C-alpha atoms as a PDB file:
ATOM      1  CA  MET A   1       0.000   0.000   0.000  1.00  0.00           C
ATOM      2  CA  GLN A   2       1.371   3.401  -1.006  1.00  0.00           C
ATOM      3  CA  LYS A   3       1.919   6.073   1.608  1.00  0.00           C
ATOM      4  CA  ALA A   4      -0.461   9.024   1.311  1.00  0.00           C
ATOM      5  CA  LYS A   5      -0.561  12.600   2.531  1.00  0.00           C
ATOM      6  CA  ASN A   6      -3.680  14.679   2.977  1.00  0.00           C
ATOM      7  CA  ASN A   7      -2.164  18.148   2.641  1.00  0.00           C
ATOM      8  CA  GLY A   8      -3.862  19.407  -0.514  1.00  0.00           C
ATOM      9  CA  PHE A   9      -0.696  19.827  -2.604  1.00  0.00           C
ATOM     10  CA  VAL A  10      -0.735  18.425  -6.118  1.00  0.00           C
ATOM     11  CA  LEU A  11       3.014  17.811  -5.828  1.00  0.00           C
ATOM     12  CA  GLU A  12       5.415  17.511  -2.920  1.00  0.00           C
ATOM     13  CA  THR A  13       9.026  16.369  -2.878  1.00  0.00           C
ATOM     14  CA  GLU A  14      10.970  15.571   0.275  1.00  0.00           C
ATOM     15  CA  ASP A  15      14.762  15.841   0.417  1.00  0.00           C
ATOM     16  CA  LEU A  16      15.402  14.445  -3.073  1.00  0.00           C
ATOM     17  CA  TYR A  17      18.898  13.256  -3.877  1.00  0.00           C
ATOM     18  CA  LYS A  18      19.894  11.791  -7.225  1.00  0.00           C
ATOM     19  CA  GLU A  19      23.313  10.305  -7.827  1.00  0.00           C
ATOM     20  CA  LEU A  20      24.392   9.721 -11.411  1.00  0.00           C
ATOM     21  CA  GLY A  21      27.298   7.511 -12.367  1.00  0.00           C
ATOM     22  CA  VAL A  22      29.757   9.006 -14.843  1.00  0.00           C
ATOM     23  CA  GLY A  23      32.476   6.449 -15.451  1.00  0.00           C
ATOM     24  CA  GLU A  24      33.909   5.645 -12.034  1.00  0.00           C
ATOM     25  CA  VAL A  25      32.849   9.026 -10.644  1.00  0.00           C
ATOM     26  CA  ALA A  26      29.492   9.581  -8.959  1.00  0.00           C
ATOM     27  CA  VAL A  27      27.852  12.939  -9.657  1.00  0.00           C
ATOM     28  CA  GLN A  28      25.226  14.395  -7.319  1.00  0.00           C
ATOM     29  CA  ALA A  29      22.631  15.740  -9.773  1.00  0.00           C
ATOM     30  CA  LEU A  30      20.225  16.672  -6.968  1.00  0.00           C
ATOM     31  CA  ARG A  31      21.162  17.460  -3.365  1.00  0.00           C
ATOM     32  CA  GLY A  32      18.178  17.547  -1.060  1.00  0.00           C
ATOM     33  CA  VAL A  33      15.435  19.208  -3.130  1.00  0.00           C
ATOM     34  CA  SER A  34      12.212  19.789  -1.201  1.00  0.00           C
ATOM     35  CA  MET A  35       9.273  21.652  -2.733  1.00  0.00           C
ATOM     36  CA  GLN A  36       5.500  21.977  -2.536  1.00  0.00           C
ATOM     37  CA  VAL A  37       3.251  22.969  -5.433  1.00  0.00           C
ATOM     38  CA  GLN A  38      -0.302  24.218  -5.064  1.00  0.00           C
ATOM     39  CA  ARG A  39      -3.139  23.127  -7.328  1.00  0.00           C
ATOM     40  CA  GLY A  40      -3.654  25.416 -10.294  1.00  0.00           C
ATOM     41  CA  GLU A  41      -0.207  26.982  -9.991  1.00  0.00           C
ATOM     42  CA  VAL A  42       2.042  27.795 -12.962  1.00  0.00           C
ATOM     43  CA  LEU A  43       5.535  27.170 -11.610  1.00  0.00           C
ATOM     44  CA  GLY A  44       8.790  27.963 -13.408  1.00  0.00           C
ATOM     45  CA  ILE A  45      12.012  26.053 -12.660  1.00  0.00           C
ATOM     46  CA  ILE A  46      15.123  27.880 -13.843  1.00  0.00           C
ATOM     47  CA  GLY A  47      18.866  27.537 -13.419  1.00  0.00           C
ATOM     48  CA  PRO A  48      22.064  27.101 -15.445  1.00  0.00           C
ATOM     49  CA  SER A  49      22.798  24.012 -17.535  1.00  0.00           C
ATOM     50  CA  GLY A  50      23.699  21.105 -15.296  1.00  0.00           C
ATOM     51  CA  SER A  51      21.821  22.473 -12.294  1.00  0.00           C
ATOM     52  CA  GLY A  52      19.472  19.463 -12.155  1.00  0.00           C
ATOM     53  CA  LYS A  53      16.294  20.887 -13.730  1.00  0.00           C
ATOM     54  CA  SER A  54      15.546  18.037 -16.130  1.00  0.00           C
ATOM     55  CA  THR A  55      16.646  15.456 -13.552  1.00  0.00           C
ATOM     56  CA  LEU A  56      14.116  16.902 -11.104  1.00  0.00           C
ATOM     57  CA  LEU A  57      11.367  16.875 -13.722  1.00  0.00           C
ATOM     58  CA  GLY A  58      12.139  13.227 -14.501  1.00  0.00           C
ATOM     59  CA  LEU A  59      11.753  12.275 -10.830  1.00  0.00           C
ATOM     60  CA  ILE A  60       8.526  14.269 -10.496  1.00  0.00           C
ATOM     61  CA  GLY A  61       7.138  12.551 -13.587  1.00  0.00           C
ATOM     62  CA  GLY A  62       8.053   9.047 -12.464  1.00  0.00           C
ATOM     63  CA  LEU A  63      10.480   8.598 -15.350  1.00  0.00           C
ATOM     64  CA  ASP A  64      13.320   7.925 -12.903  1.00  0.00           C
ATOM     65  CA  SER A  65      13.716   7.130  -9.205  1.00  0.00           C
ATOM     66  CA  PRO A  66      15.582   9.208  -6.604  1.00  0.00           C
ATOM     67  CA  THR A  67      18.608   7.815  -4.819  1.00  0.00           C
ATOM     68  CA  THR A  68      16.913   8.954  -1.607  1.00  0.00           C
ATOM     69  CA  GLY A  69      13.874  11.117  -0.844  1.00  0.00           C
ATOM     70  CA  ARG A  70      10.156  10.930  -1.654  1.00  0.00           C
ATOM     71  CA  VAL A  71       7.812  12.196  -4.381  1.00  0.00           C
ATOM     72  CA  TYR A  72       4.078  12.634  -3.767  1.00  0.00           C
ATOM     73  CA  ILE A  73       1.541  13.230  -6.561  1.00  0.00           C
ATOM     74  CA  ASP A  74      -1.974  14.116  -5.372  1.00  0.00           C
ATOM     75  CA  GLY A  75      -0.841  13.034  -1.916  1.00  0.00           C
ATOM     76  CA  ILE A  76       0.201   9.552  -3.095  1.00  0.00           C
ATOM     77  CA  ASP A  77       3.820   8.432  -2.646  1.00  0.00           C
ATOM     78  CA  ILE A  78       5.050   7.257  -6.076  1.00  0.00           C
ATOM     79  CA  THR A  79       8.679   6.742  -5.022  1.00  0.00           C
ATOM     80  CA  ASP A  80       8.639   2.958  -4.601  1.00  0.00           C
ATOM     81  CA  MET A  81       6.030   2.100  -7.213  1.00  0.00           C
ATOM     82  CA  ASN A  82       6.864  -0.584  -9.751  1.00  0.00           C
ATOM     83  CA  GLU A  83       6.901   0.174 -13.464  1.00  0.00           C
ATOM     84  CA  ARG A  84       3.343  -1.008 -14.009  1.00  0.00           C
ATOM     85  CA  GLN A  85       2.056   1.291 -11.249  1.00  0.00           C
ATOM     86  CA  LEU A  86       4.144   4.208 -12.518  1.00  0.00           C
ATOM     87  CA  THR A  87       2.834   3.726 -16.044  1.00  0.00           C
ATOM     88  CA  ARG A  88      -0.702   4.073 -14.712  1.00  0.00           C
ATOM     89  CA  VAL A  89       0.202   7.217 -12.725  1.00  0.00           C
ATOM     90  CA  ARG A  90       1.863   8.787 -15.778  1.00  0.00           C
ATOM     91  CA  ASN A  91      -1.117   7.962 -17.950  1.00  0.00           C
ATOM     92  CA  GLU A  92      -3.768   9.250 -15.546  1.00  0.00           C
ATOM     93  CA  LYS A  93      -2.164  11.984 -13.422  1.00  0.00           C
ATOM     94  CA  ILE A  94       0.754  13.486 -15.386  1.00  0.00           C
ATOM     95  CA  GLY A  95       0.990  15.073 -18.823  1.00  0.00           C
ATOM     96  CA  PHE A  96       4.354  15.635 -20.529  1.00  0.00           C
ATOM     97  CA  VAL A  97       5.323  18.306 -23.058  1.00  0.00           C
ATOM     98  CA  PHE A  98       8.867  18.322 -24.436  1.00  0.00           C
ATOM     99  CA  GLN A  99      11.006  20.554 -26.635  1.00  0.00           C
ATOM    100  CA  THR A 100      10.471  18.144 -29.528  1.00  0.00           C
ATOM    101  CA  PHE A 101       6.803  17.678 -30.295  1.00  0.00           C
ATOM    102  CA  ASN A 102       6.909  13.859 -30.745  1.00  0.00           C
ATOM    103  CA  LEU A 103       3.716  13.801 -32.805  1.00  0.00           C
ATOM    104  CA  ILE A 104       2.994  10.804 -35.011  1.00  0.00           C
ATOM    105  CA  PRO A 105       3.403  12.169 -38.558  1.00  0.00           C
ATOM    106  CA  THR A 106       0.834   9.870 -40.188  1.00  0.00           C
ATOM    107  CA  LEU A 107      -1.960  10.887 -37.798  1.00  0.00           C
ATOM    108  CA  THR A 108      -4.052  14.050 -37.824  1.00  0.00           C
ATOM    109  CA  ALA A 109      -3.957  16.497 -34.907  1.00  0.00           C
ATOM    110  CA  GLN A 110      -7.204  15.048 -33.585  1.00  0.00           C
ATOM    111  CA  GLU A 111      -5.932  11.468 -33.882  1.00  0.00           C
ATOM    112  CA  ASN A 112      -2.675  12.360 -32.095  1.00  0.00           C
ATOM    113  CA  VAL A 113      -4.596  13.861 -29.183  1.00  0.00           C
ATOM    114  CA  ALA A 114      -7.076  10.967 -28.987  1.00  0.00           C
ATOM    115  CA  LEU A 115      -4.338   8.320 -28.806  1.00  0.00           C
ATOM    116  CA  PRO A 116      -3.644   8.435 -25.009  1.00  0.00           C
ATOM    117  CA  ILE A 117      -7.369   8.075 -24.279  1.00  0.00           C
ATOM    118  CA  GLN A 118      -7.586   4.983 -26.448  1.00  0.00           C
ATOM    119  CA  PHE A 119      -4.786   3.364 -24.430  1.00  0.00           C
ATOM    120  CA  SER A 120      -6.167   4.400 -21.023  1.00  0.00           C
ATOM    121  CA  ARG A 121      -7.380   1.611 -18.739  1.00  0.00           C
ATOM    122  CA  ASN A 122      -9.934   3.863 -17.056  1.00  0.00           C
ATOM    123  CA  ARG A 123     -11.292   5.725 -20.050  1.00  0.00           C
ATOM    124  CA  LYS A 124     -13.282   8.732 -18.830  1.00  0.00           C
ATOM    125  CA  ASN A 125     -13.822  10.469 -22.176  1.00  0.00           C
ATOM    126  CA  ASN A 126     -14.806   9.729 -25.736  1.00  0.00           C
ATOM    127  CA  PRO A 127     -11.425   9.973 -27.544  1.00  0.00           C
ATOM    128  CA  LYS A 128     -12.624  11.841 -30.624  1.00  0.00           C
ATOM    129  CA  LYS A 129     -14.859  14.254 -28.692  1.00  0.00           C
ATOM    130  CA  ARG A 130     -12.258  14.990 -25.997  1.00  0.00           C
ATOM    131  CA  ALA A 131      -9.569  15.621 -28.623  1.00  0.00           C
ATOM    132  CA  ALA A 132     -11.839  18.029 -30.483  1.00  0.00           C
ATOM    133  CA  GLU A 133     -12.684  19.929 -27.268  1.00  0.00           C
ATOM    134  CA  LEU A 134      -9.034  20.328 -26.272  1.00  0.00           C
ATOM    135  CA  LEU A 135      -7.892  21.422 -29.733  1.00  0.00           C
ATOM    136  CA  ASP A 136     -10.722  23.936 -29.914  1.00  0.00           C
ATOM    137  CA  MET A 137      -9.792  25.312 -26.461  1.00  0.00           C
ATOM    138  CA  LEU A 138      -6.202  25.807 -27.655  1.00  0.00           C
ATOM    139  CA  GLY A 139      -7.247  27.649 -30.819  1.00  0.00           C
ATOM    140  CA  LEU A 140      -6.821  24.751 -33.232  1.00  0.00           C
ATOM    141  CA  GLY A 141     -10.442  23.978 -34.003  1.00  0.00           C
ATOM    142  CA  ASP A 142      -9.782  24.564 -37.708  1.00  0.00           C
ATOM    143  CA  ARG A 143      -6.647  22.374 -37.753  1.00  0.00           C
ATOM    144  CA  MET A 144      -8.011  19.100 -36.385  1.00  0.00           C
ATOM    145  CA  LYS A 145      -7.663  17.198 -39.650  1.00  0.00           C
ATOM    146  CA  HIS A 146      -4.183  18.541 -40.414  1.00  0.00           C
ATOM    147  CA  ARG A 147      -1.136  16.317 -40.048  1.00  0.00           C
ATOM    148  CA  PRO A 148       1.983  17.587 -38.211  1.00  0.00           C
ATOM    149  CA  THR A 149       3.807  18.539 -41.427  1.00  0.00           C
ATOM    150  CA  GLN A 150       0.901  20.848 -42.278  1.00  0.00           C
ATOM    151  CA  LEU A 151       1.241  22.751 -38.978  1.00  0.00           C
ATOM    152  CA  SER A 152       3.661  25.417 -37.772  1.00  0.00           C
ATOM    153  CA  GLY A 153       5.967  24.752 -34.821  1.00  0.00           C
ATOM    154  CA  GLY A 154       3.707  26.648 -32.432  1.00  0.00           C
ATOM    155  CA  GLN A 155       0.665  24.755 -33.684  1.00  0.00           C
ATOM    156  CA  GLN A 156       2.430  21.408 -33.284  1.00  0.00           C
ATOM    157  CA  GLN A 157       3.370  22.265 -29.711  1.00  0.00           C
ATOM    158  CA  ARG A 158      -0.230  23.155 -28.936  1.00  0.00           C
ATOM    159  CA  VAL A 159      -1.285  19.776 -30.325  1.00  0.00           C
ATOM    160  CA  ALA A 160       1.325  18.211 -28.028  1.00  0.00           C
ATOM    161  CA  ILE A 161      -0.144  20.137 -25.080  1.00  0.00           C
ATOM    162  CA  ALA A 162      -3.645  18.940 -25.974  1.00  0.00           C
ATOM    163  CA  ARG A 163      -2.358  15.356 -26.169  1.00  0.00           C
ATOM    164  CA  ALA A 164      -0.745  15.730 -22.732  1.00  0.00           C
ATOM    165  CA  LEU A 165      -4.140  16.823 -21.348  1.00  0.00           C
ATOM    166  CA  ALA A 166      -6.132  14.034 -22.982  1.00  0.00           C
ATOM    167  CA  ASN A 167      -6.703  12.052 -19.773  1.00  0.00           C
ATOM    168  CA  ASP A 168      -7.275  15.140 -17.600  1.00  0.00           C
ATOM    169  CA  PRO A 169      -4.056  14.942 -15.539  1.00  0.00           C
ATOM    170  CA  SER A 170      -3.516  16.829 -12.296  1.00  0.00           C
ATOM    171  CA  LEU A 171      -0.053  17.921 -13.381  1.00  0.00           C
ATOM    172  CA  LEU A 172       1.379  19.121 -16.702  1.00  0.00           C
ATOM    173  CA  LEU A 173       5.185  19.000 -16.970  1.00  0.00           C
ATOM    174  CA  ALA A 174       6.786  21.098 -19.717  1.00  0.00           C
ATOM    175  CA  ASP A 175      10.525  20.597 -20.339  1.00  0.00           C
ATOM    176  CA  GLU A 176      11.829  23.496 -22.479  1.00  0.00           C
ATOM    177  CA  ALA A 177       8.491  23.451 -24.313  1.00  0.00           C
ATOM    178  CA  THR A 178       9.291  26.699 -26.177  1.00  0.00           C
ATOM    179  CA  GLY A 179      12.950  25.885 -26.873  1.00  0.00           C
ATOM    180  CA  ASN A 180      12.432  25.229 -30.599  1.00  0.00           C
ATOM    181  CA  LEU A 181      10.115  28.176 -31.201  1.00  0.00           C
ATOM    182  CA  ASP A 182      10.525  31.813 -32.206  1.00  0.00           C
ATOM    183  CA  THR A 183       9.320  34.570 -29.879  1.00  0.00           C
ATOM    184  CA  ALA A 184       5.840  34.912 -31.395  1.00  0.00           C
ATOM    185  CA  SER A 185       5.224  31.157 -31.330  1.00  0.00           C
ATOM    186  CA  SER A 186       6.597  30.966 -27.788  1.00  0.00           C
ATOM    187  CA  ASP A 187       4.070  33.581 -26.649  1.00  0.00           C
ATOM    188  CA  VAL A 188       1.262  31.590 -28.285  1.00  0.00           C
ATOM    189  CA  VAL A 189       2.340  28.429 -26.457  1.00  0.00           C
ATOM    190  CA  MET A 190       2.600  30.277 -23.131  1.00  0.00           C
ATOM    191  CA  LYS A 191      -0.909  31.660 -23.632  1.00  0.00           C
ATOM    192  CA  ALA A 192      -2.056  28.097 -24.295  1.00  0.00           C
ATOM    193  CA  LEU A 193      -0.540  26.971 -20.989  1.00  0.00           C
ATOM    194  CA  TRP A 194      -2.329  29.803 -19.180  1.00  0.00           C
ATOM    195  CA  ASP A 195      -5.571  28.757 -20.888  1.00  0.00           C
ATOM    196  CA  VAL A 196      -4.963  25.265 -19.517  1.00  0.00           C
ATOM    197  CA  LYS A 197      -4.706  26.674 -15.996  1.00  0.00           C
ATOM    198  CA  LYS A 198      -7.731  28.951 -16.382  1.00  0.00           C
ATOM    199  CA  ASN A 199     -10.085  26.517 -18.108  1.00  0.00           C
ATOM    200  CA  LEU A 200      -9.047  23.186 -16.575  1.00  0.00           C
ATOM    201  CA  GLY A 201      -7.369  24.133 -13.288  1.00  0.00           C
ATOM    202  CA  THR A 202      -4.359  22.019 -14.215  1.00  0.00           C
ATOM    203  CA  THR A 203      -1.081  22.651 -12.403  1.00  0.00           C
ATOM    204  CA  VAL A 204       1.710  23.494 -14.855  1.00  0.00           C
ATOM    205  CA  ILE A 205       5.448  23.143 -14.148  1.00  0.00           C
ATOM    206  CA  ILE A 206       7.771  24.655 -16.747  1.00  0.00           C
ATOM    207  CA  VAL A 207      11.511  23.973 -16.894  1.00  0.00           C
ATOM    208  CA  THR A 208      13.168  26.690 -18.970  1.00  0.00           C
ATOM    209  CA  HIS A 209      16.383  28.560 -19.764  1.00  0.00           C
ATOM    210  CA  ASP A 210      14.305  31.430 -21.204  1.00  0.00           C
ATOM    211  CA  MET A 211      13.889  34.314 -18.772  1.00  0.00           C
ATOM    212  CA  ASP A 212      10.960  35.646 -20.808  1.00  0.00           C
ATOM    213  CA  VAL A 213       9.127  32.342 -20.335  1.00  0.00           C
ATOM    214  CA  ALA A 214      10.035  32.334 -16.630  1.00  0.00           C
ATOM    215  CA  SER A 215       8.632  35.862 -16.263  1.00  0.00           C
ATOM    216  CA  GLN A 216       5.202  34.555 -17.293  1.00  0.00           C
ATOM    217  CA  THR A 217       4.841  32.093 -14.407  1.00  0.00           C
ATOM    218  CA  ASP A 218       3.193  32.502 -10.995  1.00  0.00           C
ATOM    219  CA  ARG A 219       6.317  31.545  -9.088  1.00  0.00           C
ATOM    220  CA  ILE A 220       9.931  30.601  -9.778  1.00  0.00           C
ATOM    221  CA  ILE A 221      12.246  28.044  -8.212  1.00  0.00           C
ATOM    222  CA  THR A 222      15.938  28.399  -9.027  1.00  0.00           C
ATOM    223  CA  LEU A 223      18.194  25.350  -8.982  1.00  0.00           C
ATOM    224  CA  ILE A 224      21.938  25.793  -8.497  1.00  0.00           C
ATOM    225  CA  ASP A 225      24.228  22.756  -8.309  1.00  0.00           C
ATOM    226  CA  GLY A 226      21.303  20.455  -7.578  1.00  0.00           C
ATOM    227  CA  ARG A 227      19.902  22.569  -4.727  1.00  0.00           C
ATOM    228  CA  VAL A 228      17.029  25.034  -4.455  1.00  0.00           C
ATOM    229  CA  ALA A 229      18.725  28.434  -4.215  1.00  0.00           C
ATOM    230  CA  GLY A 230      17.352  31.205  -2.042  1.00  0.00           C
ATOM    231  CA  GLU A 231      16.556  34.617  -3.501  1.00  0.00           C
ATOM    232  CA  ASP A 232      19.508  36.047  -1.604  1.00  0.00           C
ATOM    233  CA  ASP A 233      21.936  33.670  -3.336  1.00  0.00           C
ATOM    234  CA  PRO A 234      24.227  35.923  -5.419  1.00  0.00           C
ATOM    235  CA  ARG A 235      24.229  33.372  -8.247  1.00  0.00           C
ATOM    236  CA  THR A 236      20.485  33.825  -8.762  1.00  0.00           C
ATOM    237  CA  THR A 237      20.437  37.624  -8.599  1.00  0.00           C
ATOM    238  CA  ALA A 238      21.004  38.306 -12.311  1.00  0.00           C
ATOM    239  CA  GLN A 239      18.337  35.809 -13.378  1.00  0.00           C
ATOM    240  CA  LEU A 240      15.761  37.151 -10.941  1.00  0.00           C
ATOM    241  CA  ARG A 241      16.465  40.741 -12.026  1.00  0.00           C
ATOM    242  CA  ALA A 242      15.980  39.747 -15.665  1.00  0.00           C
ATOM    243  CA  VAL A 243      12.684  38.050 -14.835  1.00  0.00           C
ATOM    244  CA  GLU A 244      11.455  41.084 -12.888  1.00  0.00           C
ATOM    245  CA  THR A 245      12.411  43.455 -15.711  1.00  0.00           C
ATOM    246  CA  LEU A 246      10.431  41.387 -18.221  1.00  0.00           C
ATOM    247  CA  LYS A 247       7.420  41.200 -15.883  1.00  0.00           C
ATOM    248  CA  ASN A 248       7.469  44.984 -15.542  1.00  0.00           C
ATOM    249  CA  LYS A 249       7.608  45.443 -19.313  1.00  0.00           C
ATOM    250  CA  ARG A 250       4.580  43.207 -19.746  1.00  0.00           C
ATOM    251  CA  SER A 251       2.661  44.982 -16.976  1.00  0.00           C
ATOM    252  CA  THR A 252       3.262  48.401 -18.581  1.00  0.00           C
ATOM    253  CA  GLY A 253       2.376  47.212 -22.082  1.00  0.00           C
ATOM    254  CA  GLU A 254       5.926  47.593 -23.430  1.00  0.00           C
ATOM    255  CA  MET A 255       5.765  43.872 -24.184  1.00  0.00           C
ATOM    256  CA  PRO A 256       2.539  41.952 -25.006  1.00  0.00           C
ATOM    257  CA  ARG A 257       0.763  40.130 -22.197  1.00  0.00           C
ATOM    258  CA  VAL A 258       0.037  36.445 -22.752  1.00  0.00           C
ATOM    259  CA  ARG A 259      -2.397  36.020 -19.862  1.00  0.00           C
ATOM    260  CA  SER A 260      -5.998  36.643 -20.809  1.00  0.00           C
END
């Protein structure tokens, strides 16, 4: 029986450590990361390359296991689950969006989005209808029958977001989701993620190197050398100043707002 917590957080991690083997040398990718994420929050995770951002996202998403520490999704401890149990959690509670869109080229947008529902053990929605509703919500109602090669990069990423939401997960994890997009397309994708929060109440966690993307989140966590850095850490100061500058420009209208 899995341990459970009744604290209302959609995600909680406790003292996560992750040791990676590189040759004969062990590297500490994460060093005691503890965090709590509220329901409906849009959280940004930033930090330099090698700081542990993607490693953390992999542990949160059940794609890897911590060396020590615990991960709770919807109050349920997923840390010691077997692969069959983790597959069910990933299918029902977690949606993934990556830098590469990973759409099936021979399927239409609607068919790509419907696919996870068709493979779900506890199917809650009609695949075709749910896919159409999600694509329409993300501004792609007129692109449902288009295949990936007929869509722009921003449109493909929105299809990928819709696919990640197919089974109504509690948590949407986006790993550099705008990394392959130009500024205009990035803004469209960020608006789509805010629409997800507003219309579905889904919690969104975004790992990014882009300070403009980070400036559009509710809250930011900075990772430095595998640890959560405090705002007074001198290594985070420049990044936080950049984020604040971009937020101010959006609030004054100097840059377009993506939140509706």
